[in-house]
Amino acid sequence: FTIAQAVVAPTGRVELVYDKMHLCDMGKCSEVAHGLARGERPGVFTCRGWRVGVCICYDLRFPELWRRLAWEEDCDLVVHPSAFVRDATFPMYHTFVTTRAVENGIYVLSVNFAGADFGE
């Protein structure tokens, strides 16, 4: 099993299924502990002339993936769904998002799961 993000066109056609490439192995967020498999390739699709990359949660911590999306895959935007738990690492979430956007010269749309243990 993987953690995946599907992109569906208005017609209902599946444009992309991206399997998360970097699995978290820390504390309550450990995906490795559940035996999940990692994806092997970046997720990219085109929407109204924009090249859009997809990263999921912990992928944020790996600049080489973002660099690949921006410079090799020519992405204009990266969509980044996440579920950063409200722990000691949470304050870095916004810093990482801003850094990835600035260092690669791209737009980033990042959203975090909300709830008692997540987000602000």
Protein backbone atom coordinates (compact mmCIF):
# COMPACT_ATOMS: atom_id res chain seq x y z
CA PHE A 1 0.00 0.00 0.00
CA THR A 2 1.03 3.61 -0.58
CA ILE A 3 -0.13 7.06 0.42
CA ALA A 4 -1.45 8.56 -2.80
CA GLN A 5 -2.99 11.74 -4.18
CA ALA A 6 -5.33 11.42 -7.15
CA VAL A 7 -6.00 14.28 -9.55
CA VAL A 8 -9.36 14.02 -11.32
CA ALA A 9 -10.37 16.16 -14.33
CA PRO A 10 -13.82 17.79 -14.51
CA THR A 11 -14.78 15.00 -16.93
CA GLY A 12 -14.13 12.42 -14.22
CA ARG A 13 -10.98 11.11 -15.90
CA VAL A 14 -8.09 10.35 -13.54
CA GLU A 15 -5.21 12.57 -14.70
CA LEU A 16 -2.64 11.46 -12.14
CA VAL A 17 -2.12 9.21 -9.16
CA TYR A 18 0.98 10.29 -7.25
CA ASP A 19 2.42 7.87 -4.68
CA LYS A 20 4.23 9.69 -1.88
CA MET A 21 7.99 9.31 -2.36
CA HIS A 22 9.27 10.11 1.15
CA LEU A 23 7.72 8.29 4.09
CA CYS A 24 7.84 9.76 7.57
CA ASP A 25 9.43 7.66 10.29
CA MET A 26 9.00 9.92 13.33
CA GLY A 27 6.78 9.42 16.35
CA LYS A 28 3.01 9.39 15.91
CA CYS A 29 3.43 10.22 12.22
CA SER A 30 5.46 7.12 11.33
CA GLU A 31 4.23 5.69 8.03
CA VAL A 32 7.16 3.28 7.85
CA ALA A 33 5.88 1.56 11.00
CA HIS A 34 2.68 0.67 9.09
CA GLY A 35 4.60 -1.03 6.28
CA LEU A 36 3.66 1.45 3.56
CA ALA A 37 5.60 1.50 0.29
CA ARG A 38 7.15 4.63 -1.18
CA GLY A 39 6.48 5.97 -4.66
CA GLU A 40 9.17 5.93 -7.32
CA ARG A 41 8.50 9.01 -9.49
CA PRO A 42 7.27 12.58 -9.17
CA GLY A 43 3.66 13.46 -9.90
CA VAL A 44 3.09 16.05 -12.62
CA PHE A 45 0.05 17.07 -14.65
CA THR A 46 -1.04 20.00 -16.82
CA CYS A 47 -4.02 22.21 -15.98
CA ARG A 48 -5.03 25.07 -18.30
CA GLY A 49 -1.47 25.52 -19.50
CA TRP A 50 0.13 25.28 -16.05
CA ARG A 51 2.55 22.48 -15.18
CA VAL A 52 1.55 21.31 -11.71
CA GLY A 53 3.56 19.05 -9.43
CA VAL A 54 2.23 17.13 -6.47
CA CYS A 55 4.03 16.46 -3.19
CA ILE A 56 2.52 14.98 -0.04
CA CYS A 57 3.28 16.05 3.52
CA TYR A 58 6.81 14.84 4.46
CA ASP A 59 7.96 15.25 0.82
CA LEU A 60 8.30 18.90 1.86
CA ARG A 61 11.55 18.13 3.67
CA PHE A 62 13.38 16.92 0.53
CA PRO A 63 14.60 19.83 -1.61
CA GLU A 64 15.88 17.58 -4.41
CA LEU A 65 12.30 16.48 -5.22
CA TRP A 66 11.12 20.09 -5.36
CA ARG A 67 14.13 21.08 -7.47
CA ARG A 68 13.32 18.27 -9.88
CA LEU A 69 9.70 19.40 -10.16
CA ALA A 70 10.68 23.03 -10.76
CA TRP A 71 13.73 22.64 -12.98
CA GLU A 72 13.42 19.27 -14.73
CA GLU A 73 9.63 18.92 -14.93
CA ASP A 74 9.08 22.69 -15.52
CA CYS A 75 6.34 23.00 -12.89
CA ASP A 76 4.85 26.43 -12.23
CA LEU A 77 2.96 25.30 -9.14
CA VAL A 78 3.27 22.51 -6.58
CA VAL A 79 0.17 21.32 -4.74
CA HIS A 80 1.06 20.03 -1.28
CA PRO A 81 -1.63 18.35 0.87
CA SER A 82 -0.32 17.49 4.33
CA ALA A 83 -1.14 16.39 7.85
CA PHE A 84 1.54 17.93 10.03
CA VAL A 85 0.78 17.04 13.61
CA ARG A 86 1.00 19.82 16.17
CA ASP A 87 4.25 18.80 17.85
CA ALA A 88 7.74 20.28 18.24
CA THR A 89 8.32 20.15 14.45
CA PHE A 90 5.09 21.93 13.46
CA PRO A 91 6.45 25.52 13.62
CA MET A 92 8.84 24.62 10.78
CA TYR A 93 5.95 23.76 8.41
CA HIS A 94 5.43 27.35 7.18
CA THR A 95 9.18 27.96 6.95
CA PHE A 96 9.65 24.87 4.78
CA VAL A 97 6.79 25.84 2.45
CA THR A 98 8.12 29.37 1.99
CA THR A 99 11.67 28.10 1.46
CA ARG A 100 10.64 25.58 -1.23
CA ALA A 101 8.72 28.28 -3.12
CA VAL A 102 11.52 30.85 -2.97
CA GLU A 103 14.46 28.53 -3.67
CA ASN A 104 12.74 27.14 -6.78
CA GLY A 105 10.89 30.24 -8.04
CA ILE A 106 7.51 28.48 -8.05
CA TYR A 107 4.08 28.89 -6.53
CA VAL A 108 3.09 26.48 -3.75
CA LEU A 109 -0.44 25.66 -2.64
CA SER A 110 -0.01 23.90 0.69
CA VAL A 111 -2.88 22.85 2.95
CA ASN A 112 -2.73 21.10 6.30
CA PHE A 113 -5.31 18.79 7.87
CA ALA A 114 -7.16 20.53 10.69
CA GLY A 115 -8.25 19.11 14.01
CA ALA A 116 -7.34 18.81 17.65
CA ASP A 117 -3.84 17.44 16.92
CA PHE A 118 -3.18 19.19 13.61
CA GLY A 119 -2.76 22.72 12.26
CA GLU A 120 -3.44 25.96 14.03
